[in-house]
Amino acid sequence: MIHDLTSQELEQLLPTFGMNDEILNEMPAEFSEHFGKGVKFWQYPNQFAPYLKHLSTLKIDSYLEVGCRWGGTFILTTRLLGIKKGMACDLIPKSEILEGFNELEDFQYLEGPSADLSKIDGQFDLILIDGDHSYNGVKSDFETCLRFKPKYIAFHDIVNQVCPGVQQFWNEIKGQYPHQEFTAQYDSVNGTFLGIGLIAL
C-alpha cells in the first residue's frame, strides 16, 4: 500500500490510525481528533511519513523496536512495510493494542530492560532505538543492538529539546555513517520535539 502513496498522502493518512494522547503540549493541536484512539502511535506525521517512504525503498525483512510504549509505531512500521519478522521490547507489559495485533500477526515481545536483548539471538535488518533517552542509555542500546548485525538503525527524539542525551549521541554518531534525518516540526507546537535519525551500517 505504501508504494502507491506519495509522502504527502501518507502524511495525511497516518493520523487516522490513531495518535498518542500523552504529553500533549508536544503534540500538534490540529490532530486532536485522533489523540487517544486507534494504535496510539507517538510520531509527528510530517516526520514519520517521509521516514517510512524512505524505508520502503530499502530491503527490510525484519524489525526490532526498542521502547515501543503502546505499540503504534511498531504496528505501522511492520504493516506498512510488509515486514514479517518483528520484535518489540519495553519495560511495561504488552499493551492491549499489541495484544490485538498479535492475534493477526506473529511477533515477539520482550518485557524488560533493553539489556535483556543481550540474551536474544538472531538478526534484524532495521532497529529503532526509542528506549532510555539518557546519553548513556541510548549509547548502551546502540552497542547492544549491533550484535543483531542490522543494516539500519534508527534513533527517535534526535532533535527533542527534552532529550539532550539523545541529541548528543546522535550528533556524535551520525558523522560515522551514511544517514538521513526526518525532523520537520509544526508551527502549532511551542518548541522542538521528536525527530527520527537513520544510519546505514
N, C-alpha and C. Protein backbone atom coordinates (compact mmCIF):
# COMPACT_ATOMS: atom_id res chain seq x y z
N MET A 1 0.82 -1.21 0.00
CA MET A 1 0.00 0.00 0.00
C MET A 1 0.86 1.26 0.00
N ILE A 2 1.93 1.25 0.77
CA ILE A 2 2.74 2.45 0.92
C ILE A 2 3.37 2.89 -0.40
N HIS A 3 3.63 1.93 -1.27
CA HIS A 3 4.25 2.25 -2.56
C HIS A 3 3.31 3.05 -3.46
N ASP A 4 2.00 2.93 -3.22
CA ASP A 4 1.01 3.63 -4.04
C ASP A 4 0.74 5.05 -3.55
N LEU A 5 1.33 5.43 -2.43
CA LEU A 5 1.06 6.74 -1.83
C LEU A 5 2.28 7.64 -1.95
N THR A 6 2.04 8.93 -2.15
CA THR A 6 3.11 9.89 -2.04
C THR A 6 3.38 10.13 -0.55
N SER A 7 4.49 10.75 -0.25
CA SER A 7 4.80 11.06 1.14
C SER A 7 3.73 11.97 1.74
N GLN A 8 3.21 12.91 0.94
CA GLN A 8 2.17 13.83 1.42
C GLN A 8 0.87 13.08 1.70
N GLU A 9 0.52 12.13 0.83
CA GLU A 9 -0.70 11.34 1.05
C GLU A 9 -0.56 10.48 2.29
N LEU A 10 0.62 9.91 2.49
CA LEU A 10 0.85 9.09 3.68
C LEU A 10 0.79 9.94 4.94
N GLU A 11 1.33 11.14 4.86
CA GLU A 11 1.29 12.06 5.99
C GLU A 11 -0.15 12.37 6.40
N GLN A 12 -1.04 12.51 5.43
CA GLN A 12 -2.45 12.78 5.72
C GLN A 12 -3.16 11.54 6.26
N LEU A 13 -2.72 10.36 5.81
CA LEU A 13 -3.36 9.12 6.22
C LEU A 13 -2.98 8.70 7.64
N LEU A 14 -1.73 8.89 8.00
CA LEU A 14 -1.22 8.36 9.27
C LEU A 14 -2.05 8.73 10.50
N PRO A 15 -2.46 9.99 10.68
CA PRO A 15 -3.22 10.32 11.89
C PRO A 15 -4.51 9.52 12.04
N THR A 16 -5.08 9.06 10.95
CA THR A 16 -6.34 8.33 11.02
C THR A 16 -6.19 6.97 11.68
N PHE A 17 -4.95 6.51 11.85
CA PHE A 17 -4.71 5.25 12.55
C PHE A 17 -4.77 5.43 14.07
N GLY A 18 -4.75 6.68 14.52
CA GLY A 18 -4.83 6.98 15.95
C GLY A 18 -3.49 7.35 16.53
N MET A 19 -3.47 8.45 17.29
CA MET A 19 -2.23 9.00 17.82
C MET A 19 -2.19 8.98 19.35
N ASN A 20 -0.99 9.05 19.88
CA ASN A 20 -0.78 9.07 21.32
C ASN A 20 -1.44 10.30 21.95
N ASP A 21 -1.87 10.15 23.20
CA ASP A 21 -2.51 11.27 23.90
C ASP A 21 -1.79 11.64 25.19
N GLU A 22 -0.49 11.37 25.25
CA GLU A 22 0.31 11.75 26.41
C GLU A 22 1.20 12.95 26.05
N ILE A 23 1.55 13.75 27.06
CA ILE A 23 2.41 14.92 26.88
C ILE A 23 1.91 15.74 25.69
N LEU A 24 0.67 16.17 25.76
CA LEU A 24 0.02 16.80 24.62
C LEU A 24 0.59 18.18 24.28
N ASN A 25 1.35 18.78 25.18
CA ASN A 25 1.97 20.07 24.84
C ASN A 25 3.01 19.90 23.73
N GLU A 26 3.45 18.66 23.51
CA GLU A 26 4.41 18.39 22.43
C GLU A 26 3.73 17.95 21.14
N MET A 27 2.41 17.80 21.17
CA MET A 27 1.69 17.28 20.01
C MET A 27 0.95 18.40 19.28
N PRO A 28 0.91 18.35 17.95
CA PRO A 28 0.20 19.38 17.17
C PRO A 28 -1.31 19.34 17.43
N ALA A 29 -1.87 20.47 17.82
CA ALA A 29 -3.28 20.53 18.19
C ALA A 29 -4.20 20.18 17.03
N GLU A 30 -3.72 20.35 15.79
CA GLU A 30 -4.58 20.08 14.63
C GLU A 30 -4.95 18.60 14.50
N PHE A 31 -4.27 17.73 15.27
CA PHE A 31 -4.57 16.31 15.21
C PHE A 31 -5.38 15.84 16.42
N SER A 32 -5.95 16.77 17.18
CA SER A 32 -6.60 16.43 18.45
C SER A 32 -7.72 15.40 18.30
N GLU A 33 -8.40 15.39 17.17
CA GLU A 33 -9.49 14.42 17.00
C GLU A 33 -8.98 12.98 16.95
N HIS A 34 -7.68 12.80 16.74
CA HIS A 34 -7.10 11.47 16.64
C HIS A 34 -6.37 11.02 17.91
N PHE A 35 -6.24 11.93 18.89
CA PHE A 35 -5.50 11.59 20.11
C PHE A 35 -6.24 10.53 20.93
N GLY A 36 -5.48 9.58 21.44
CA GLY A 36 -6.05 8.56 22.33
C GLY A 36 -6.87 7.51 21.62
N LYS A 37 -6.74 7.43 20.30
CA LYS A 37 -7.54 6.48 19.53
C LYS A 37 -6.63 5.52 18.76
N GLY A 38 -7.22 4.43 18.30
CA GLY A 38 -6.52 3.50 17.42
C GLY A 38 -5.24 2.94 18.00
N VAL A 39 -4.16 2.97 17.21
CA VAL A 39 -2.91 2.34 17.62
C VAL A 39 -2.04 3.25 18.49
N LYS A 40 -2.43 4.51 18.66
CA LYS A 40 -1.73 5.48 19.52
C LYS A 40 -0.25 5.62 19.16
N PHE A 41 0.05 5.79 17.87
CA PHE A 41 1.46 5.96 17.52
C PHE A 41 1.96 7.32 17.99
N TRP A 42 3.24 7.35 18.41
CA TRP A 42 3.81 8.56 19.02
C TRP A 42 4.86 9.13 18.08
N GLN A 43 4.40 9.73 17.00
CA GLN A 43 5.26 10.32 15.99
C GLN A 43 4.59 11.57 15.43
N TYR A 44 5.38 12.43 14.82
CA TYR A 44 4.82 13.51 14.02
C TYR A 44 4.61 12.96 12.61
N PRO A 45 3.41 13.08 12.05
CA PRO A 45 3.18 12.58 10.70
C PRO A 45 4.15 13.15 9.66
N ASN A 46 4.55 14.41 9.82
CA ASN A 46 5.45 15.02 8.83
C ASN A 46 6.90 14.55 8.96
N GLN A 47 7.19 13.80 10.02
CA GLN A 47 8.48 13.12 10.16
C GLN A 47 8.36 11.64 9.79
N PHE A 48 7.30 11.03 10.29
CA PHE A 48 7.10 9.58 10.15
C PHE A 48 6.83 9.18 8.70
N ALA A 49 6.05 10.00 7.97
CA ALA A 49 5.71 9.66 6.58
C ALA A 49 6.94 9.60 5.68
N PRO A 50 7.79 10.64 5.64
CA PRO A 50 8.96 10.53 4.77
C PRO A 50 9.95 9.46 5.24
N TYR A 51 10.01 9.21 6.53
CA TYR A 51 10.84 8.12 7.06
C TYR A 51 10.37 6.78 6.53
N LEU A 52 9.07 6.52 6.62
CA LEU A 52 8.51 5.26 6.12
C LEU A 52 8.67 5.15 4.61
N LYS A 53 8.45 6.24 3.90
CA LYS A 53 8.62 6.20 2.44
C LYS A 53 10.07 5.87 2.07
N HIS A 54 11.01 6.44 2.81
CA HIS A 54 12.41 6.11 2.55
C HIS A 54 12.68 4.63 2.83
N LEU A 55 12.17 4.13 3.95
CA LEU A 55 12.37 2.72 4.29
C LEU A 55 11.77 1.80 3.23
N SER A 56 10.68 2.24 2.61
CA SER A 56 10.01 1.40 1.61
C SER A 56 10.88 1.19 0.37
N THR A 57 11.93 1.99 0.21
CA THR A 57 12.83 1.82 -0.93
C THR A 57 13.97 0.87 -0.61
N LEU A 58 14.05 0.42 0.64
CA LEU A 58 15.14 -0.44 1.10
C LEU A 58 14.64 -1.87 1.28
N LYS A 59 15.56 -2.81 1.33
CA LYS A 59 15.19 -4.20 1.57
C LYS A 59 15.22 -4.47 3.07
N ILE A 60 14.06 -4.50 3.67
CA ILE A 60 13.94 -4.72 5.12
C ILE A 60 12.93 -5.84 5.35
N ASP A 61 13.41 -6.94 5.88
CA ASP A 61 12.55 -8.10 6.13
C ASP A 61 12.32 -8.36 7.61
N SER A 62 13.09 -7.72 8.48
CA SER A 62 12.96 -7.96 9.92
C SER A 62 13.18 -6.66 10.69
N TYR A 63 12.52 -6.54 11.83
CA TYR A 63 12.47 -5.26 12.55
C TYR A 63 12.42 -5.47 14.05
N LEU A 64 13.24 -4.71 14.76
CA LEU A 64 13.24 -4.69 16.22
C LEU A 64 13.00 -3.26 16.68
N GLU A 65 12.07 -3.09 17.62
CA GLU A 65 11.80 -1.77 18.18
C GLU A 65 12.11 -1.80 19.66
N VAL A 66 13.06 -0.98 20.09
CA VAL A 66 13.48 -0.90 21.48
C VAL A 66 12.77 0.29 22.12
N GLY A 67 11.76 -0.01 22.94
CA GLY A 67 10.93 1.03 23.53
C GLY A 67 9.74 1.28 22.63
N CYS A 68 8.64 0.55 22.87
CA CYS A 68 7.51 0.61 21.93
C CYS A 68 6.25 1.23 22.53
N ARG A 69 6.22 1.48 23.85
CA ARG A 69 5.06 2.05 24.53
C ARG A 69 3.77 1.29 24.15
N TRP A 70 2.81 1.95 23.53
CA TRP A 70 1.55 1.28 23.18
C TRP A 70 1.71 0.34 21.99
N GLY A 71 2.70 0.62 21.15
CA GLY A 71 2.95 -0.25 20.00
C GLY A 71 2.56 0.31 18.66
N GLY A 72 2.07 1.55 18.62
CA GLY A 72 1.60 2.11 17.36
C GLY A 72 2.67 2.22 16.29
N THR A 73 3.84 2.71 16.68
CA THR A 73 4.92 2.84 15.70
C THR A 73 5.35 1.46 15.19
N PHE A 74 5.40 0.49 16.10
CA PHE A 74 5.77 -0.87 15.71
C PHE A 74 4.75 -1.45 14.72
N ILE A 75 3.48 -1.29 15.02
CA ILE A 75 2.42 -1.84 14.17
C ILE A 75 2.46 -1.19 12.79
N LEU A 76 2.54 0.13 12.74
CA LEU A 76 2.52 0.82 11.45
C LEU A 76 3.77 0.51 10.63
N THR A 77 4.91 0.43 11.29
CA THR A 77 6.14 0.12 10.57
C THR A 77 6.09 -1.27 9.95
N THR A 78 5.68 -2.24 10.75
CA THR A 78 5.66 -3.61 10.23
C THR A 78 4.58 -3.81 9.17
N ARG A 79 3.40 -3.24 9.38
CA ARG A 79 2.30 -3.45 8.43
C ARG A 79 2.52 -2.68 7.13
N LEU A 80 2.89 -1.42 7.23
CA LEU A 80 3.03 -0.60 6.03
C LEU A 80 4.23 -1.01 5.18
N LEU A 81 5.24 -1.57 5.83
CA LEU A 81 6.42 -2.02 5.08
C LEU A 81 6.36 -3.51 4.74
N GLY A 82 5.33 -4.21 5.22
CA GLY A 82 5.19 -5.63 4.92
C GLY A 82 6.25 -6.49 5.57
N ILE A 83 6.69 -6.10 6.77
CA ILE A 83 7.73 -6.84 7.48
C ILE A 83 7.11 -8.05 8.18
N LYS A 84 7.71 -9.20 8.01
CA LYS A 84 7.14 -10.44 8.54
C LYS A 84 7.73 -10.85 9.89
N LYS A 85 9.00 -10.53 10.13
CA LYS A 85 9.65 -10.90 11.38
C LYS A 85 9.83 -9.66 12.23
N GLY A 86 9.16 -9.61 13.38
CA GLY A 86 9.23 -8.44 14.22
C GLY A 86 9.40 -8.77 15.69
N MET A 87 10.06 -7.88 16.41
CA MET A 87 10.17 -7.98 17.87
C MET A 87 10.06 -6.59 18.46
N ALA A 88 9.29 -6.47 19.54
CA ALA A 88 9.16 -5.22 20.27
C ALA A 88 9.61 -5.44 21.70
N CYS A 89 10.21 -4.41 22.28
CA CYS A 89 10.75 -4.51 23.63
C CYS A 89 10.35 -3.28 24.43
N ASP A 90 9.90 -3.49 25.66
CA ASP A 90 9.60 -2.37 26.54
C ASP A 90 9.59 -2.86 27.98
N LEU A 91 9.70 -1.92 28.92
CA LEU A 91 9.67 -2.26 30.34
C LEU A 91 8.27 -2.67 30.80
N ILE A 92 7.25 -2.19 30.10
CA ILE A 92 5.88 -2.42 30.53
C ILE A 92 5.32 -3.68 29.87
N PRO A 93 4.26 -4.28 30.46
CA PRO A 93 3.62 -5.43 29.80
C PRO A 93 3.08 -5.06 28.43
N LYS A 94 2.93 -6.04 27.58
CA LYS A 94 2.40 -5.82 26.25
C LYS A 94 1.03 -5.15 26.33
N SER A 95 0.85 -4.07 25.61
CA SER A 95 -0.40 -3.32 25.65
C SER A 95 -1.54 -4.10 25.01
N GLU A 96 -2.76 -3.67 25.31
CA GLU A 96 -3.93 -4.30 24.68
C GLU A 96 -3.89 -4.10 23.17
N ILE A 97 -3.34 -2.99 22.74
CA ILE A 97 -3.23 -2.73 21.30
C ILE A 97 -2.32 -3.76 20.65
N LEU A 98 -1.18 -4.03 21.28
CA LEU A 98 -0.27 -5.04 20.74
C LEU A 98 -0.83 -6.45 20.89
N GLU A 99 -1.58 -6.69 21.97
CA GLU A 99 -2.23 -7.99 22.13
C GLU A 99 -3.17 -8.26 20.97
N GLY A 100 -3.94 -7.26 20.61
CA GLY A 100 -4.87 -7.41 19.49
C GLY A 100 -4.14 -7.61 18.18
N PHE A 101 -3.05 -6.89 18.00
CA PHE A 101 -2.26 -7.03 16.78
C PHE A 101 -1.62 -8.42 16.70
N ASN A 102 -1.25 -8.95 17.86
CA ASN A 102 -0.60 -10.26 17.90
C ASN A 102 -1.54 -11.38 17.45
N GLU A 103 -2.83 -11.13 17.53
CA GLU A 103 -3.80 -12.12 17.04
C GLU A 103 -3.80 -12.17 15.52
N LEU A 104 -3.35 -11.10 14.88
CA LEU A 104 -3.31 -11.03 13.41
C LEU A 104 -1.93 -11.32 12.86
N GLU A 105 -0.92 -10.87 13.56
CA GLU A 105 0.46 -11.01 13.11
C GLU A 105 1.30 -11.65 14.19
N ASP A 106 2.17 -12.55 13.80
CA ASP A 106 3.05 -13.22 14.76
C ASP A 106 4.32 -12.40 14.96
N PHE A 107 4.56 -11.96 16.19
CA PHE A 107 5.79 -11.25 16.51
C PHE A 107 6.15 -11.55 17.96
N GLN A 108 7.38 -11.26 18.33
CA GLN A 108 7.85 -11.49 19.68
C GLN A 108 7.78 -10.21 20.49
N TYR A 109 7.51 -10.36 21.78
CA TYR A 109 7.50 -9.21 22.68
C TYR A 109 8.39 -9.54 23.87
N LEU A 110 9.32 -8.65 24.16
CA LEU A 110 10.20 -8.81 25.31
C LEU A 110 9.85 -7.77 26.35
N GLU A 111 9.33 -8.22 27.49
CA GLU A 111 9.03 -7.31 28.59
C GLU A 111 10.22 -7.27 29.52
N GLY A 112 10.85 -6.12 29.59
CA GLY A 112 12.03 -5.99 30.44
C GLY A 112 12.96 -4.93 29.91
N PRO A 113 14.06 -4.70 30.60
CA PRO A 113 15.02 -3.69 30.16
C PRO A 113 15.69 -4.09 28.86
N SER A 114 16.13 -3.10 28.11
CA SER A 114 16.75 -3.39 26.82
C SER A 114 18.03 -4.21 26.98
N ALA A 115 18.62 -4.18 28.17
CA ALA A 115 19.81 -5.00 28.41
C ALA A 115 19.50 -6.48 28.22
N ASP A 116 18.23 -6.86 28.40
CA ASP A 116 17.84 -8.26 28.22
C ASP A 116 17.96 -8.71 26.76
N LEU A 117 18.07 -7.75 25.85
CA LEU A 117 18.24 -8.11 24.44
C LEU A 117 19.55 -8.87 24.21
N SER A 118 20.49 -8.71 25.14
CA SER A 118 21.76 -9.43 25.01
C SER A 118 21.58 -10.94 25.12
N LYS A 119 20.39 -11.36 25.60
CA LYS A 119 20.10 -12.79 25.73
C LYS A 119 19.41 -13.34 24.48
N ILE A 120 19.10 -12.45 23.53
CA ILE A 120 18.35 -12.85 22.34
C ILE A 120 19.31 -13.09 21.18
N ASP A 121 19.07 -14.17 20.46
CA ASP A 121 19.85 -14.43 19.25
C ASP A 121 19.03 -14.05 18.02
N GLY A 122 19.71 -13.80 16.93
CA GLY A 122 19.00 -13.51 15.69
C GLY A 122 19.60 -12.32 14.97
N GLN A 123 18.93 -11.94 13.89
CA GLN A 123 19.37 -10.81 13.08
C GLN A 123 18.16 -9.97 12.72
N PHE A 124 18.32 -8.65 12.75
CA PHE A 124 17.25 -7.73 12.38
C PHE A 124 17.80 -6.72 11.37
N ASP A 125 17.11 -6.56 10.27
CA ASP A 125 17.55 -5.62 9.25
C ASP A 125 17.47 -4.17 9.73
N LEU A 126 16.38 -3.85 10.45
CA LEU A 126 16.13 -2.49 10.92
C LEU A 126 15.84 -2.52 12.41
N ILE A 127 16.46 -1.59 13.14
CA ILE A 127 16.21 -1.45 14.57
C ILE A 127 15.90 0.02 14.86
N LEU A 128 14.83 0.26 15.61
CA LEU A 128 14.51 1.61 16.09
C LEU A 128 14.82 1.67 17.58
N ILE A 129 15.67 2.61 17.98
CA ILE A 129 16.01 2.80 19.39
C ILE A 129 15.21 3.98 19.93
N ASP A 130 14.33 3.67 20.88
CA ASP A 130 13.44 4.69 21.46
C ASP A 130 13.15 4.32 22.92
N GLY A 131 14.20 3.87 23.62
CA GLY A 131 14.04 3.40 24.99
C GLY A 131 14.50 4.43 26.01
N ASP A 132 15.60 4.11 26.69
CA ASP A 132 16.19 5.02 27.67
C ASP A 132 16.74 6.23 26.92
N HIS A 133 16.25 7.43 27.25
CA HIS A 133 16.61 8.62 26.49
C HIS A 133 17.79 9.39 27.07
N SER A 134 18.49 8.81 28.05
CA SER A 134 19.71 9.44 28.53
C SER A 134 20.84 9.15 27.55
N TYR A 135 21.92 9.92 27.64
CA TYR A 135 23.07 9.69 26.75
C TYR A 135 23.61 8.27 26.92
N ASN A 136 23.86 7.87 28.16
CA ASN A 136 24.40 6.54 28.41
C ASN A 136 23.41 5.45 28.01
N GLY A 137 22.12 5.73 28.18
CA GLY A 137 21.10 4.75 27.82
C GLY A 137 21.04 4.48 26.34
N VAL A 138 21.01 5.55 25.53
CA VAL A 138 20.92 5.36 24.08
C VAL A 138 22.22 4.80 23.53
N LYS A 139 23.35 5.18 24.12
CA LYS A 139 24.64 4.63 23.71
C LYS A 139 24.70 3.13 23.99
N SER A 140 24.23 2.73 25.18
CA SER A 140 24.21 1.31 25.54
C SER A 140 23.29 0.53 24.62
N ASP A 141 22.11 1.09 24.31
CA ASP A 141 21.18 0.42 23.41
C ASP A 141 21.80 0.24 22.02
N PHE A 142 22.48 1.26 21.56
CA PHE A 142 23.14 1.17 20.25
C PHE A 142 24.18 0.05 20.25
N GLU A 143 25.00 0.01 21.27
CA GLU A 143 26.04 -1.02 21.34
C GLU A 143 25.44 -2.41 21.45
N THR A 144 24.35 -2.55 22.22
CA THR A 144 23.67 -3.84 22.34
C THR A 144 23.09 -4.27 21.01
N CYS A 145 22.50 -3.32 20.28
CA CYS A 145 21.82 -3.66 19.03
C CYS A 145 22.78 -4.04 17.91
N LEU A 146 24.02 -3.66 18.01
CA LEU A 146 24.98 -4.03 16.98
C LEU A 146 25.16 -5.54 16.88
N ARG A 147 24.87 -6.24 17.97
CA ARG A 147 25.02 -7.70 17.96
C ARG A 147 24.04 -8.38 17.00
N PHE A 148 22.99 -7.67 16.61
CA PHE A 148 22.00 -8.23 15.69
C PHE A 148 22.36 -8.00 14.22
N LYS A 149 23.53 -7.42 14.00
CA LYS A 149 24.04 -7.17 12.65
C LYS A 149 23.00 -6.48 11.75
N PRO A 150 22.45 -5.36 12.21
CA PRO A 150 21.43 -4.66 11.41
C PRO A 150 22.03 -3.98 10.19
N LYS A 151 21.16 -3.79 9.20
CA LYS A 151 21.53 -2.98 8.04
C LYS A 151 21.34 -1.49 8.36
N TYR A 152 20.33 -1.23 9.18
CA TYR A 152 19.97 0.14 9.50
C TYR A 152 19.57 0.24 10.97
N ILE A 153 19.95 1.35 11.61
CA ILE A 153 19.48 1.65 12.96
C ILE A 153 18.89 3.05 12.95
N ALA A 154 17.68 3.17 13.47
CA ALA A 154 17.01 4.47 13.58
C ALA A 154 17.00 4.89 15.04
N PHE A 155 17.06 6.18 15.26
CA PHE A 155 17.01 6.76 16.60
C PHE A 155 15.85 7.74 16.66
N HIS A 156 15.09 7.67 17.75
CA HIS A 156 13.98 8.61 17.92
C HIS A 156 14.39 9.73 18.86
N ASP A 157 13.77 10.89 18.69
CA ASP A 157 13.98 12.07 19.55
C ASP A 157 15.34 12.73 19.33
N ILE A 158 15.80 12.74 18.10
CA ILE A 158 17.14 13.29 17.82
C ILE A 158 17.19 14.81 17.88
N VAL A 159 16.03 15.48 17.83
CA VAL A 159 16.01 16.94 17.99
C VAL A 159 15.10 17.35 19.15
N ASN A 160 14.70 16.40 19.96
CA ASN A 160 13.76 16.67 21.05
C ASN A 160 14.46 17.48 22.14
N GLN A 161 13.94 18.67 22.41
CA GLN A 161 14.59 19.56 23.37
C GLN A 161 14.59 19.02 24.79
N VAL A 162 13.72 18.04 25.09
CA VAL A 162 13.70 17.44 26.43
C VAL A 162 14.52 16.15 26.48
N CYS A 163 15.23 15.83 25.41
CA CYS A 163 16.07 14.63 25.37
C CYS A 163 17.49 15.00 24.92
N PRO A 164 18.19 15.83 25.69
CA PRO A 164 19.52 16.27 25.26
C PRO A 164 20.52 15.13 25.11
N GLY A 165 20.34 14.06 25.87
CA GLY A 165 21.25 12.93 25.76
C GLY A 165 21.16 12.25 24.41
N VAL A 166 19.93 12.12 23.89
CA VAL A 166 19.75 11.52 22.56
C VAL A 166 20.34 12.44 21.50
N GLN A 167 20.08 13.73 21.62
CA GLN A 167 20.64 14.69 20.67
C GLN A 167 22.16 14.59 20.64
N GLN A 168 22.76 14.53 21.83
CA GLN A 168 24.23 14.48 21.90
C GLN A 168 24.77 13.22 21.24
N PHE A 169 24.15 12.07 21.54
CA PHE A 169 24.67 10.82 20.96
C PHE A 169 24.46 10.80 19.45
N TRP A 170 23.30 11.26 18.99
CA TRP A 170 23.05 11.29 17.56
C TRP A 170 24.06 12.18 16.84
N ASN A 171 24.35 13.34 17.39
CA ASN A 171 25.30 14.24 16.75
C ASN A 171 26.71 13.67 16.72
N GLU A 172 27.01 12.81 17.67
CA GLU A 172 28.32 12.16 17.69
C GLU A 172 28.39 11.01 16.69
N ILE A 173 27.31 10.25 16.58
CA ILE A 173 27.36 9.01 15.79
C ILE A 173 27.06 9.23 14.31
N LYS A 174 26.27 10.22 13.97
CA LYS A 174 25.78 10.32 12.59
C LYS A 174 26.89 10.57 11.58
N GLY A 175 27.96 11.25 11.99
CA GLY A 175 29.04 11.53 11.06
C GLY A 175 29.85 10.30 10.69
N GLN A 176 29.64 9.20 11.40
CA GLN A 176 30.40 7.98 11.15
C GLN A 176 29.74 7.08 10.12
N TYR A 177 28.50 7.40 9.74
CA TYR A 177 27.73 6.53 8.85
C TYR A 177 26.93 7.38 7.84
N PRO A 178 26.58 6.79 6.69
CA PRO A 178 25.58 7.45 5.85
C PRO A 178 24.29 7.60 6.66
N HIS A 179 23.67 8.74 6.60
CA HIS A 179 22.50 8.94 7.46
C HIS A 179 21.45 9.84 6.81
N GLN A 180 20.24 9.73 7.35
CA GLN A 180 19.11 10.57 6.95
C GLN A 180 18.49 11.13 8.23
N GLU A 181 17.94 12.33 8.14
CA GLU A 181 17.25 12.94 9.27
C GLU A 181 15.85 13.36 8.84
N PHE A 182 14.89 13.12 9.73
CA PHE A 182 13.49 13.47 9.47
C PHE A 182 13.04 14.29 10.69
N THR A 183 13.09 15.60 10.57
CA THR A 183 12.96 16.46 11.75
C THR A 183 11.98 17.62 11.58
N ALA A 184 11.11 17.56 10.57
CA ALA A 184 10.14 18.65 10.36
C ALA A 184 9.30 18.87 11.62
N GLN A 185 8.93 20.12 11.84
CA GLN A 185 8.15 20.48 13.02
C GLN A 185 6.80 21.06 12.60
N TYR A 186 5.97 21.38 13.59
CA TYR A 186 4.66 22.00 13.34
C TYR A 186 4.63 23.37 14.01
N ASP A 187 4.12 24.35 13.29
CA ASP A 187 4.05 25.72 13.82
C ASP A 187 3.16 25.81 15.05
N SER A 188 2.23 24.89 15.18
CA SER A 188 1.29 24.94 16.30
C SER A 188 1.91 24.46 17.62
N VAL A 189 3.12 23.92 17.56
CA VAL A 189 3.79 23.41 18.75
C VAL A 189 4.87 24.40 19.19
N ASN A 190 4.87 24.74 20.46
CA ASN A 190 5.86 25.65 21.01
C ASN A 190 7.07 24.85 21.47
N GLY A 191 8.09 24.77 20.62
CA GLY A 191 9.28 24.00 20.95
C GLY A 191 9.68 23.11 19.80
N THR A 192 10.73 22.34 20.02
CA THR A 192 11.24 21.41 19.02
C THR A 192 11.24 20.02 19.61
N PHE A 193 10.55 19.08 18.95
CA PHE A 193 10.35 17.77 19.55
C PHE A 193 10.52 16.63 18.54
N LEU A 194 10.64 15.44 19.11
CA LEU A 194 10.75 14.18 18.37
C LEU A 194 11.92 14.24 17.38
N GLY A 195 11.72 13.79 16.14
CA GLY A 195 12.81 13.71 15.18
C GLY A 195 13.33 12.29 15.06
N ILE A 196 13.51 11.83 13.84
CA ILE A 196 14.00 10.48 13.56
C ILE A 196 15.30 10.57 12.77
N GLY A 197 16.30 9.85 13.23
CA GLY A 197 17.56 9.74 12.52
C GLY A 197 17.81 8.31 12.11
N LEU A 198 18.32 8.10 10.90
CA LEU A 198 18.55 6.76 10.39
C LEU A 198 19.97 6.65 9.87
N ILE A 199 20.69 5.64 10.34
CA ILE A 199 22.04 5.38 9.82
C ILE A 199 22.06 4.05 9.08
N ALA A 200 22.90 3.96 8.09
CA ALA A 200 23.12 2.71 7.35
C ALA A 200 24.47 2.15 7.76
N LEU A 201 24.50 0.90 8.20
CA LEU A 201 25.73 0.29 8.66
C LEU A 201 26.38 -0.54 7.55
